[in-house]
Amino acid sequence: MIRTLMASAALVAMAMPMTASAQQIDLSTPAGAIAANRKIQCSTVDGEPVVYHWSGRVYARAPGVPDRHIFNVEGMNVRQCGTVTDPVRGTGYRLVSRELMLYLDPRTNEVLRTWTNPETDQQVEVVHVANDPVNSRPTYERTADGSPFRFSGRVNQGWVFLPFEAPLFYVNPLGGDYQEYVGNQYHAMEIFDFSVREDDLLDSSRPRADASIAWVRISPWLPWMRMGGRPGGLVFNAVGQTMANGIDGLPQVLRDEIAANYPDYVAPPPLDDARPNETSWTYFRKVFDAERAAAQ
């Protein structure tokens, strides 16, 4: 543990300019880029929990008809980072997290347990997002091809903007064994736009930044909606931020659900968590398979 803490402190120290008076993270260096990313994503202190919260809407989009506002959402992610080192790629960090997102009635903002699909007039059980874990690969001072890690954000008028797009195209966990031949791969896009005050991000004495996030997701219908092969999909749009007082700062609806149904979500997974990542589709499969087994 002492060695890990020393490595974390060394990473932040290397990110500072040589002049003691400045005490600022230098975004032009790999170490500075790592430190800035880490401040936005979590904390430069190993094992310090950070909570993100977001709130937004979900729209159904189908050919030939207007988009329809079908859900509100309230979500959270509890995370922590740890310092990692590699003899070739240098010092970096790894993030581990859990995330929860609730689907709410768009008029009352009550947590939905069942939902009547307006397209099929069928009542279905709502499966909320409960992904545990959602962990990242390590980020190092050198990328996999050996080039220096660079900060991809933009500094403008006292603000730092960090965009990140995640095109998703992979084997559908519900799609069968022949997707390479007949299609049905999982195909979606997630867009994350972070913003933070420049002075906050570059201040090396602050281990974490007060970051805001805008999140957009374009995805297929959720499996629990039972839409079958109907054309169309979903558009998610939400905004949020890190919570200064952690779990206690979350909206009451999230705190109530965590206390009643998701007690593990008060803390992130351990830093050495080696489990495969959970997605909303793999989680649905677990829920559905468990219910089917119980009914037999």
C-alpha atoms as a PDB file:
ATOM      1  CA  MET A   1       0.000   0.000   0.000  1.00  0.00           C
ATOM      2  CA  ILE A   2       2.827   2.445   0.892  1.00  0.00           C
ATOM      3  CA  ARG A   3       4.481   1.787  -2.459  1.00  0.00           C
ATOM      4  CA  THR A   4       1.188   2.463  -4.268  1.00  0.00           C
ATOM      5  CA  LEU A   5       0.658   5.748  -2.405  1.00  0.00           C
ATOM      6  CA  MET A   6       4.213   6.845  -3.183  1.00  0.00           C
ATOM      7  CA  ALA A   7       3.663   6.082  -6.877  1.00  0.00           C
ATOM      8  CA  SER A   8       0.448   8.109  -6.879  1.00  0.00           C
ATOM      9  CA  ALA A   9       2.197  11.060  -5.249  1.00  0.00           C
ATOM     10  CA  ALA A  10       5.044  10.802  -7.732  1.00  0.00           C
ATOM     11  CA  LEU A  11       2.586  10.900 -10.648  1.00  0.00           C
ATOM     12  CA  VAL A  12       1.092  14.189  -9.459  1.00  0.00           C
ATOM     13  CA  ALA A  13       4.533  15.630  -8.700  1.00  0.00           C
ATOM     14  CA  MET A  14       5.773  14.820 -12.207  1.00  0.00           C
ATOM     15  CA  ALA A  15       2.739  16.611 -13.631  1.00  0.00           C
ATOM     16  CA  MET A  16       3.779  19.933 -12.044  1.00  0.00           C
ATOM     17  CA  PRO A  17       6.024  22.471 -13.752  1.00  0.00           C
ATOM     18  CA  MET A  18       9.499  22.803 -12.239  1.00  0.00           C
ATOM     19  CA  THR A  19       8.756  26.206 -10.680  1.00  0.00           C
ATOM     20  CA  ALA A  20       7.483  25.714  -7.153  1.00  0.00           C
ATOM     21  CA  SER A  21       5.373  28.871  -7.292  1.00  0.00           C
ATOM     22  CA  ALA A  22       3.150  27.672 -10.137  1.00  0.00           C
ATOM     23  CA  GLN A  23       2.004  24.379  -8.573  1.00  0.00           C
ATOM     24  CA  GLN A  24      -0.019  23.657 -11.687  1.00  0.00           C
ATOM     25  CA  ILE A  25      -0.549  20.493 -13.684  1.00  0.00           C
ATOM     26  CA  ASP A  26       1.115  20.755 -17.091  1.00  0.00           C
ATOM     27  CA  LEU A  27      -1.304  19.412 -19.702  1.00  0.00           C
ATOM     28  CA  SER A  28       1.450  19.251 -22.330  1.00  0.00           C
ATOM     29  CA  THR A  29       3.224  16.372 -20.561  1.00  0.00           C
ATOM     30  CA  PRO A  30       2.061  12.737 -20.413  1.00  0.00           C
ATOM     31  CA  ALA A  31       2.144  12.818 -16.610  1.00  0.00           C
ATOM     32  CA  GLY A  32       0.097  16.016 -16.595  1.00  0.00           C
ATOM     33  CA  ALA A  33      -2.417  14.591 -19.042  1.00  0.00           C
ATOM     34  CA  ILE A  34      -2.789  11.501 -16.864  1.00  0.00           C
ATOM     35  CA  ALA A  35      -3.240  13.599 -13.716  1.00  0.00           C
ATOM     36  CA  ALA A  36      -5.872  15.824 -15.373  1.00  0.00           C
ATOM     37  CA  ASN A  37      -7.834  12.870 -16.717  1.00  0.00           C
ATOM     38  CA  ARG A  38      -7.687  11.224 -13.332  1.00  0.00           C
ATOM     39  CA  LYS A  39      -8.957  14.367 -11.563  1.00  0.00           C
ATOM     40  CA  ILE A  40     -11.940  14.469 -13.916  1.00  0.00           C
ATOM     41  CA  GLN A  41     -12.691  10.750 -13.725  1.00  0.00           C
ATOM     42  CA  CYS A  42     -12.014  10.123 -10.049  1.00  0.00           C
ATOM     43  CA  SER A  43      -9.238  11.381  -7.731  1.00  0.00           C
ATOM     44  CA  THR A  44      -5.448  11.494  -7.678  1.00  0.00           C
ATOM     45  CA  VAL A  45      -5.662   9.885  -4.229  1.00  0.00           C
ATOM     46  CA  ASP A  46      -5.725   6.099  -4.511  1.00  0.00           C
ATOM     47  CA  GLY A  47      -8.908   4.568  -3.146  1.00  0.00           C
ATOM     48  CA  GLU A  48     -10.849   7.815  -2.661  1.00  0.00           C
ATOM     49  CA  PRO A  49     -14.496   7.208  -3.675  1.00  0.00           C
ATOM     50  CA  VAL A  50     -16.062   9.660  -6.125  1.00  0.00           C
ATOM     51  CA  VAL A  51     -19.742   9.762  -7.074  1.00  0.00           C
ATOM     52  CA  TYR A  52     -21.147  11.016 -10.383  1.00  0.00           C
ATOM     53  CA  HIS A  53     -24.856  11.789 -10.724  1.00  0.00           C
ATOM     54  CA  TRP A  54     -26.899  12.452 -13.859  1.00  0.00           C
ATOM     55  CA  SER A  55     -30.519  13.180 -14.683  1.00  0.00           C
ATOM     56  CA  GLY A  56     -32.278  13.219 -18.030  1.00  0.00           C
ATOM     57  CA  ARG A  57     -34.810  11.858 -20.484  1.00  0.00           C
ATOM     58  CA  VAL A  58     -35.260   8.917 -22.839  1.00  0.00           C
ATOM     59  CA  TYR A  59     -36.989   9.185 -26.200  1.00  0.00           C
ATOM     60  CA  ALA A  60     -38.321   6.436 -28.440  1.00  0.00           C
ATOM     61  CA  ARG A  61     -37.463   6.965 -32.088  1.00  0.00           C
ATOM     62  CA  ALA A  62     -39.078   4.963 -34.897  1.00  0.00           C
ATOM     63  CA  PRO A  63     -39.328   5.579 -38.658  1.00  0.00           C
ATOM     64  CA  GLY A  64     -42.250   7.680 -39.820  1.00  0.00           C
ATOM     65  CA  VAL A  65     -43.530   8.823 -36.416  1.00  0.00           C
ATOM     66  CA  PRO A  66     -42.552  11.656 -34.049  1.00  0.00           C
ATOM     67  CA  ASP A  67     -40.097  10.938 -31.267  1.00  0.00           C
ATOM     68  CA  ARG A  68     -41.810  10.114 -27.976  1.00  0.00           C
ATOM     69  CA  HIS A  69     -40.641  10.990 -24.447  1.00  0.00           C
ATOM     70  CA  ILE A  70     -41.132   7.682 -22.640  1.00  0.00           C
ATOM     71  CA  PHE A  71     -38.919   7.808 -19.526  1.00  0.00           C
ATOM     72  CA  ASN A  72     -37.051  10.105 -17.218  1.00  0.00           C
ATOM     73  CA  VAL A  73     -33.843   8.740 -15.715  1.00  0.00           C
ATOM     74  CA  GLU A  74     -31.844   9.265 -12.543  1.00  0.00           C
ATOM     75  CA  GLY A  75     -28.408   7.686 -12.473  1.00  0.00           C
ATOM     76  CA  MET A  76     -25.254   7.424 -10.411  1.00  0.00           C
ATOM     77  CA  ASN A  77     -21.802   5.905 -10.626  1.00  0.00           C
ATOM     78  CA  VAL A  78     -19.579   5.295  -7.602  1.00  0.00           C
ATOM     79  CA  ARG A  79     -15.911   4.883  -8.465  1.00  0.00           C
ATOM     80  CA  GLN A  80     -12.323   4.963  -7.307  1.00  0.00           C
ATOM     81  CA  CYS A  81      -8.935   4.895  -8.985  1.00  0.00           C
ATOM     82  CA  GLY A  82      -5.635   3.263  -8.166  1.00  0.00           C
ATOM     83  CA  THR A  83      -2.115   3.876  -9.439  1.00  0.00           C
ATOM     84  CA  VAL A  84      -0.673   1.262 -11.784  1.00  0.00           C
ATOM     85  CA  THR A  85       2.793   0.962 -13.276  1.00  0.00           C
ATOM     86  CA  ASP A  86       4.173  -0.824 -16.307  1.00  0.00           C
ATOM     87  CA  PRO A  87       7.888  -1.264 -17.091  1.00  0.00           C
ATOM     88  CA  VAL A  88       7.354  -0.114 -20.683  1.00  0.00           C
ATOM     89  CA  ARG A  89       4.338   2.202 -20.573  1.00  0.00           C
ATOM     90  CA  GLY A  90       5.125   3.985 -17.310  1.00  0.00           C
ATOM     91  CA  THR A  91       2.833   5.154 -14.516  1.00  0.00           C
ATOM     92  CA  GLY A  92      -0.912   5.493 -14.850  1.00  0.00           C
ATOM     93  CA  TYR A  93      -4.191   4.618 -13.204  1.00  0.00           C
ATOM     94  CA  ARG A  94      -7.118   2.197 -13.377  1.00  0.00           C
ATOM     95  CA  LEU A  95     -10.734   3.052 -12.578  1.00  0.00           C
ATOM     96  CA  VAL A  96     -13.247   0.653 -10.990  1.00  0.00           C
ATOM     97  CA  SER A  97     -16.930   1.488 -10.549  1.00  0.00           C
ATOM     98  CA  ARG A  98     -20.553   0.474 -10.195  1.00  0.00           C
ATOM     99  CA  GLU A  99     -23.441   2.286 -11.874  1.00  0.00           C
ATOM    100  CA  LEU A 100     -27.167   2.435 -11.263  1.00  0.00           C
ATOM    101  CA  MET A 101     -29.798   4.137 -13.419  1.00  0.00           C
ATOM    102  CA  LEU A 102     -33.518   4.196 -12.695  1.00  0.00           C
ATOM    103  CA  TYR A 103     -36.298   4.520 -15.248  1.00  0.00           C
ATOM    104  CA  LEU A 104     -38.965   6.940 -14.017  1.00  0.00           C
ATOM    105  CA  ASP A 105     -42.466   7.803 -15.128  1.00  0.00           C
ATOM    106  CA  PRO A 106     -42.072  10.900 -17.366  1.00  0.00           C
ATOM    107  CA  ARG A 107     -45.022  12.658 -15.702  1.00  0.00           C
ATOM    108  CA  THR A 108     -44.776  11.703 -12.024  1.00  0.00           C
ATOM    109  CA  ASN A 109     -41.054  10.880 -11.739  1.00  0.00           C
ATOM    110  CA  GLU A 110     -41.967   7.764  -9.770  1.00  0.00           C
ATOM    111  CA  VAL A 111     -39.749   4.706 -10.130  1.00  0.00           C
ATOM    112  CA  LEU A 112     -41.291   2.359 -12.673  1.00  0.00           C
ATOM    113  CA  ARG A 113     -41.765  -1.285 -11.679  1.00  0.00           C
ATOM    114  CA  THR A 114     -43.885  -2.154 -14.700  1.00  0.00           C
ATOM    115  CA  TRP A 115     -44.505  -0.296 -17.932  1.00  0.00           C
ATOM    116  CA  THR A 116     -47.156  -0.548 -20.615  1.00  0.00           C
ATOM    117  CA  ASN A 117     -45.428  -0.463 -23.975  1.00  0.00           C
ATOM    118  CA  PRO A 118     -47.424   1.970 -26.152  1.00  0.00           C
ATOM    119  CA  GLU A 119     -46.306   0.187 -29.319  1.00  0.00           C
ATOM    120  CA  THR A 120     -47.516  -3.271 -28.256  1.00  0.00           C
ATOM    121  CA  ASP A 121     -49.977  -2.434 -25.445  1.00  0.00           C
ATOM    122  CA  GLN A 122     -48.168  -5.102 -23.410  1.00  0.00           C
ATOM    123  CA  GLN A 123     -47.296  -4.593 -19.756  1.00  0.00           C
ATOM    124  CA  VAL A 124     -43.670  -5.510 -19.068  1.00  0.00           C
ATOM    125  CA  GLU A 125     -41.433  -5.635 -16.012  1.00  0.00           C
ATOM    126  CA  VAL A 126     -38.907  -2.795 -15.925  1.00  0.00           C
ATOM    127  CA  VAL A 127     -35.271  -3.815 -15.485  1.00  0.00           C
ATOM    128  CA  HIS A 128     -33.269  -0.867 -14.238  1.00  0.00           C
ATOM    129  CA  VAL A 129     -29.587  -0.447 -15.053  1.00  0.00           C
ATOM    130  CA  ALA A 130     -27.516  -2.051 -12.291  1.00  0.00           C
ATOM    131  CA  ASN A 131     -24.093  -2.639 -13.798  1.00  0.00           C
ATOM    132  CA  ASP A 132     -21.535  -4.060 -11.390  1.00  0.00           C
ATOM    133  CA  PRO A 133     -18.752  -3.686 -12.275  1.00  0.00           C
ATOM    134  CA  VAL A 134     -17.991  -1.038 -14.880  1.00  0.00           C
ATOM    135  CA  ASN A 135     -14.203  -0.981 -14.846  1.00  0.00           C
ATOM    136  CA  SER A 136     -11.710   0.561 -17.245  1.00  0.00           C
ATOM    137  CA  ARG A 137      -8.476  -0.683 -18.678  1.00  0.00           C
ATOM    138  CA  PRO A 138      -5.389   1.014 -17.232  1.00  0.00           C
ATOM    139  CA  THR A 139      -4.358   4.345 -18.746  1.00  0.00           C
ATOM    140  CA  TYR A 140      -0.590   4.887 -18.900  1.00  0.00           C
ATOM    141  CA  GLU A 141       1.830   7.674 -19.791  1.00  0.00           C
ATOM    142  CA  ARG A 142       2.482   5.812 -23.032  1.00  0.00           C
ATOM    143  CA  THR A 143      -0.202   4.331 -25.241  1.00  0.00           C
ATOM    144  CA  ALA A 144      -0.163   0.778 -26.570  1.00  0.00           C
ATOM    145  CA  ASP A 145       1.823   1.841 -29.655  1.00  0.00           C
ATOM    146  CA  GLY A 146       4.443   3.575 -27.514  1.00  0.00           C
ATOM    147  CA  SER A 147       3.419   7.164 -28.240  1.00  0.00           C
ATOM    148  CA  PRO A 148       3.068   9.660 -25.357  1.00  0.00           C
ATOM    149  CA  PHE A 149      -0.381   9.927 -23.807  1.00  0.00           C
ATOM    150  CA  ARG A 150      -1.912  13.289 -24.679  1.00  0.00           C
ATOM    151  CA  PHE A 151      -4.709  15.262 -23.101  1.00  0.00           C
ATOM    152  CA  SER A 152      -7.577  15.343 -25.598  1.00  0.00           C
ATOM    153  CA  GLY A 153      -9.478  18.221 -24.018  1.00  0.00           C
ATOM    154  CA  ARG A 154      -9.764  21.842 -25.094  1.00  0.00           C
ATOM    155  CA  VAL A 155      -9.049  24.898 -22.939  1.00  0.00           C
ATOM    156  CA  ASN A 156     -11.169  27.970 -23.666  1.00  0.00           C
ATOM    157  CA  GLN A 157     -11.955  31.106 -21.618  1.00  0.00           C
ATOM    158  CA  GLY A 158     -11.205  29.546 -18.258  1.00  0.00           C
ATOM    159  CA  TRP A 159     -12.915  26.247 -18.966  1.00  0.00           C
ATOM    160  CA  VAL A 160     -11.635  22.826 -19.973  1.00  0.00           C
ATOM    161  CA  PHE A 161     -13.841  20.673 -22.202  1.00  0.00           C
ATOM    162  CA  LEU A 162     -13.148  16.962 -22.616  1.00  0.00           C
ATOM    163  CA  PRO A 163     -15.249  15.113 -25.220  1.00  0.00           C
ATOM    164  CA  PHE A 164     -15.294  11.345 -25.524  1.00  0.00           C
ATOM    165  CA  GLU A 165     -17.227   9.212 -28.014  1.00  0.00           C
ATOM    166  CA  ALA A 166     -17.652   5.451 -27.582  1.00  0.00           C
ATOM    167  CA  PRO A 167     -18.899   3.710 -30.743  1.00  0.00           C
ATOM    168  CA  LEU A 168     -20.160   0.304 -29.617  1.00  0.00           C
ATOM    169  CA  PHE A 169     -20.336  -2.665 -31.970  1.00  0.00           C
ATOM    170  CA  TYR A 170     -19.823  -6.117 -30.527  1.00  0.00           C
ATOM    171  CA  VAL A 171     -21.326  -9.563 -30.101  1.00  0.00           C
ATOM    172  CA  ASN A 172     -24.857  -9.236 -28.745  1.00  0.00           C
ATOM    173  CA  PRO A 173     -25.094 -11.251 -25.508  1.00  0.00           C
ATOM    174  CA  LEU A 174     -28.718 -12.047 -26.423  1.00  0.00           C
ATOM    175  CA  GLY A 175     -28.167 -12.558 -30.132  1.00  0.00           C
ATOM    176  CA  GLY A 176     -27.158 -16.196 -30.577  1.00  0.00           C
ATOM    177  CA  ASP A 177     -24.084 -17.913 -31.964  1.00  0.00           C
ATOM    178  CA  TYR A 178     -24.260 -16.936 -35.644  1.00  0.00           C
ATOM    179  CA  GLN A 179     -24.137 -13.131 -35.579  1.00  0.00           C
ATOM    180  CA  GLU A 180     -21.121 -13.061 -37.880  1.00  0.00           C
ATOM    181  CA  TYR A 181     -23.317 -14.624 -40.556  1.00  0.00           C
ATOM    182  CA  VAL A 182     -26.809 -13.227 -39.951  1.00  0.00           C
ATOM    183  CA  GLY A 183     -26.126 -10.000 -38.061  1.00  0.00           C
ATOM    184  CA  ASN A 184     -27.850  -8.820 -34.870  1.00  0.00           C
ATOM    185  CA  GLN A 185     -24.663  -7.507 -33.247  1.00  0.00           C
ATOM    186  CA  TYR A 186     -25.091  -4.939 -30.503  1.00  0.00           C
ATOM    187  CA  HIS A 187     -24.701  -1.496 -32.104  1.00  0.00           C
ATOM    188  CA  ALA A 188     -24.909   1.732 -30.097  1.00  0.00           C
ATOM    189  CA  MET A 189     -23.103   4.994 -29.415  1.00  0.00           C
ATOM    190  CA  GLU A 190     -22.330   6.742 -26.133  1.00  0.00           C
ATOM    191  CA  ILE A 191     -21.097  10.335 -25.983  1.00  0.00           C
ATOM    192  CA  PHE A 192     -19.584  11.881 -22.852  1.00  0.00           C
ATOM    193  CA  ASP A 193     -18.736  15.592 -22.654  1.00  0.00           C
ATOM    194  CA  PHE A 194     -16.958  16.679 -19.473  1.00  0.00           C
ATOM    195  CA  SER A 195     -16.414  20.294 -18.433  1.00  0.00           C
ATOM    196  CA  VAL A 196     -14.443  21.744 -15.524  1.00  0.00           C
ATOM    197  CA  ARG A 197     -12.999  25.088 -14.511  1.00  0.00           C
ATOM    198  CA  GLU A 198      -9.416  25.461 -15.742  1.00  0.00           C
ATOM    199  CA  ASP A 199      -8.088  26.699 -12.399  1.00  0.00           C
ATOM    200  CA  ASP A 200      -9.738  23.784 -10.610  1.00  0.00           C
ATOM    201  CA  LEU A 201      -8.331  21.164 -12.971  1.00  0.00           C
ATOM    202  CA  LEU A 202      -4.784  22.517 -13.062  1.00  0.00           C
ATOM    203  CA  ASP A 203      -4.456  23.068  -9.308  1.00  0.00           C
ATOM    204  CA  SER A 204      -2.199  20.202  -8.235  1.00  0.00           C
ATOM    205  CA  SER A 205      -3.168  20.630  -4.575  1.00  0.00           C
ATOM    206  CA  ARG A 206      -6.726  19.486  -5.314  1.00  0.00           C
ATOM    207  CA  PRO A 207      -6.983  15.709  -5.801  1.00  0.00           C
ATOM    208  CA  ARG A 208     -10.297  15.860  -7.681  1.00  0.00           C
ATOM    209  CA  ALA A 209     -12.109  18.278  -9.946  1.00  0.00           C
ATOM    210  CA  ASP A 210     -15.652  19.582  -9.657  1.00  0.00           C
ATOM    211  CA  ALA A 211     -16.583  18.205 -13.062  1.00  0.00           C
ATOM    212  CA  SER A 212     -19.850  18.364 -14.986  1.00  0.00           C
ATOM    213  CA  ILE A 213     -20.934  15.846 -17.589  1.00  0.00           C
ATOM    214  CA  ALA A 214     -23.322  15.724 -20.537  1.00  0.00           C
ATOM    215  CA  TRP A 215     -24.215  12.201 -21.655  1.00  0.00           C
ATOM    216  CA  VAL A 216     -25.972  11.003 -24.804  1.00  0.00           C
ATOM    217  CA  ARG A 217     -26.696   7.400 -25.701  1.00  0.00           C
ATOM    218  CA  ILE A 218     -28.179   6.140 -28.967  1.00  0.00           C
ATOM    219  CA  SER A 219     -29.112   2.489 -28.661  1.00  0.00           C
ATOM    220  CA  PRO A 220     -31.462  -0.297 -29.710  1.00  0.00           C
ATOM    221  CA  TRP A 221     -34.690  -0.936 -27.852  1.00  0.00           C
ATOM    222  CA  LEU A 222     -34.056  -2.311 -24.379  1.00  0.00           C
ATOM    223  CA  PRO A 223     -34.676  -6.068 -24.257  1.00  0.00           C
ATOM    224  CA  TRP A 224     -37.200  -5.837 -21.422  1.00  0.00           C
ATOM    225  CA  MET A 225     -39.364  -3.590 -23.649  1.00  0.00           C
ATOM    226  CA  ARG A 226     -40.120  -6.686 -25.786  1.00  0.00           C
ATOM    227  CA  MET A 227     -40.030  -4.787 -29.059  1.00  0.00           C
ATOM    228  CA  GLY A 228     -38.849  -7.781 -31.059  1.00  0.00           C
ATOM    229  CA  GLY A 229     -37.589  -6.782 -34.484  1.00  0.00           C
ATOM    230  CA  ARG A 230     -39.471  -3.495 -34.738  1.00  0.00           C
ATOM    231  CA  PRO A 231     -37.364  -0.771 -36.374  1.00  0.00           C
ATOM    232  CA  GLY A 232     -36.180   2.119 -34.252  1.00  0.00           C
ATOM    233  CA  GLY A 233     -34.395   2.639 -30.983  1.00  0.00           C
ATOM    234  CA  LEU A 234     -33.777   4.946 -28.046  1.00  0.00           C
ATOM    235  CA  VAL A 235     -32.099   8.304 -27.494  1.00  0.00           C
ATOM    236  CA  PHE A 236     -30.889   9.109 -23.965  1.00  0.00           C
ATOM    237  CA  ASN A 237     -29.905  12.654 -22.989  1.00  0.00           C
ATOM    238  CA  ALA A 238     -28.724  13.598 -19.507  1.00  0.00           C
ATOM    239  CA  VAL A 239     -26.540  16.034 -17.601  1.00  0.00           C
ATOM    240  CA  GLY A 240     -24.852  15.707 -14.243  1.00  0.00           C
ATOM    241  CA  GLN A 241     -21.793  16.281 -12.098  1.00  0.00           C
ATOM    242  CA  THR A 242     -19.594  14.897  -9.359  1.00  0.00           C
ATOM    243  CA  MET A 243     -21.191  15.041  -5.923  1.00  0.00           C
ATOM    244  CA  ALA A 244     -19.231  17.017  -3.329  1.00  0.00           C
ATOM    245  CA  ASN A 245     -20.678  14.965  -0.476  1.00  0.00           C
ATOM    246  CA  GLY A 246     -20.838  11.620  -2.252  1.00  0.00           C
ATOM    247  CA  ILE A 247     -23.807   9.284  -1.852  1.00  0.00           C
ATOM    248  CA  ASP A 248     -25.457  11.646   0.626  1.00  0.00           C
ATOM    249  CA  GLY A 249     -25.760  14.281  -2.104  1.00  0.00           C
ATOM    250  CA  LEU A 250     -27.779  12.088  -4.468  1.00  0.00           C
ATOM    251  CA  PRO A 251     -31.494  12.727  -5.053  1.00  0.00           C
ATOM    252  CA  GLN A 252     -33.773  11.002  -2.562  1.00  0.00           C
ATOM    253  CA  VAL A 253     -35.136   8.604  -5.176  1.00  0.00           C
ATOM    254  CA  LEU A 254     -31.670   7.161  -5.773  1.00  0.00           C
ATOM    255  CA  ARG A 255     -30.772   7.012  -2.084  1.00  0.00           C
ATOM    256  CA  ASP A 256     -34.017   5.191  -1.316  1.00  0.00           C
ATOM    257  CA  GLU A 257     -33.469   2.624  -4.074  1.00  0.00           C
ATOM    258  CA  ILE A 258     -29.859   2.033  -3.040  1.00  0.00           C
ATOM    259  CA  ALA A 259     -30.893   1.480   0.573  1.00  0.00           C
ATOM    260  CA  ALA A 260     -33.767  -0.837  -0.337  1.00  0.00           C
ATOM    261  CA  ASN A 261     -32.477  -2.799  -3.310  1.00  0.00           C
ATOM    262  CA  TYR A 262     -28.850  -2.003  -4.191  1.00  0.00           C
ATOM    263  CA  PRO A 263     -26.853  -1.777  -0.929  1.00  0.00           C
ATOM    264  CA  ASP A 264     -23.523  -2.527  -2.630  1.00  0.00           C
ATOM    265  CA  TYR A 265     -23.771   0.751  -4.521  1.00  0.00           C
ATOM    266  CA  VAL A 266     -22.752   2.851  -1.540  1.00  0.00           C
ATOM    267  CA  ALA A 267     -19.113   2.042  -2.375  1.00  0.00           C
ATOM    268  CA  PRO A 268     -17.044   1.192  -5.459  1.00  0.00           C
ATOM    269  CA  PRO A 269     -15.589  -2.257  -6.154  1.00  0.00           C
ATOM    270  CA  PRO A 270     -12.109  -3.009  -4.797  1.00  0.00           C
ATOM    271  CA  LEU A 271      -9.181  -1.634  -6.776  1.00  0.00           C
ATOM    272  CA  ASP A 272      -8.067  -5.153  -7.735  1.00  0.00           C
ATOM    273  CA  ASP A 273     -11.514  -6.127  -9.058  1.00  0.00           C
ATOM    274  CA  ALA A 274     -10.949  -8.583 -11.925  1.00  0.00           C
ATOM    275  CA  ARG A 275     -14.559  -9.445 -12.793  1.00  0.00           C
ATOM    276  CA  PRO A 276     -15.807  -8.986 -16.367  1.00  0.00           C
ATOM    277  CA  ASN A 277     -17.793  -5.823 -16.936  1.00  0.00           C
ATOM    278  CA  GLU A 278     -21.565  -5.849 -16.703  1.00  0.00           C
ATOM    279  CA  THR A 279     -23.785  -4.114 -19.269  1.00  0.00           C
ATOM    280  CA  SER A 280     -27.507  -3.448 -19.258  1.00  0.00           C
ATOM    281  CA  TRP A 281     -27.942  -6.372 -21.651  1.00  0.00           C
ATOM    282  CA  THR A 282     -25.844  -8.895 -19.726  1.00  0.00           C
ATOM    283  CA  TYR A 283     -27.625  -7.787 -16.542  1.00  0.00           C
ATOM    284  CA  PHE A 284     -31.010  -8.312 -18.207  1.00  0.00           C
ATOM    285  CA  ARG A 285     -29.927 -11.812 -19.224  1.00  0.00           C
ATOM    286  CA  LYS A 286     -29.064 -12.638 -15.597  1.00  0.00           C
ATOM    287  CA  VAL A 287     -32.390 -11.286 -14.340  1.00  0.00           C
ATOM    288  CA  PHE A 288     -34.409 -13.032 -17.048  1.00  0.00           C
ATOM    289  CA  ASP A 289     -32.588 -16.366 -16.675  1.00  0.00           C
ATOM    290  CA  ALA A 290     -33.042 -16.277 -12.896  1.00  0.00           C
ATOM    291  CA  GLU A 291     -36.763 -15.582 -13.214  1.00  0.00           C
ATOM    292  CA  ARG A 292     -37.186 -18.302 -15.825  1.00  0.00           C
ATOM    293  CA  ALA A 293     -35.329 -20.820 -13.665  1.00  0.00           C
ATOM    294  CA  ALA A 294     -37.461 -19.933 -10.643  1.00  0.00           C
ATOM    295  CA  ALA A 295     -40.641 -20.453 -12.653  1.00  0.00           C
ATOM    296  CA  GLN A 296     -39.718 -23.972 -13.735  1.00  0.00           C
END
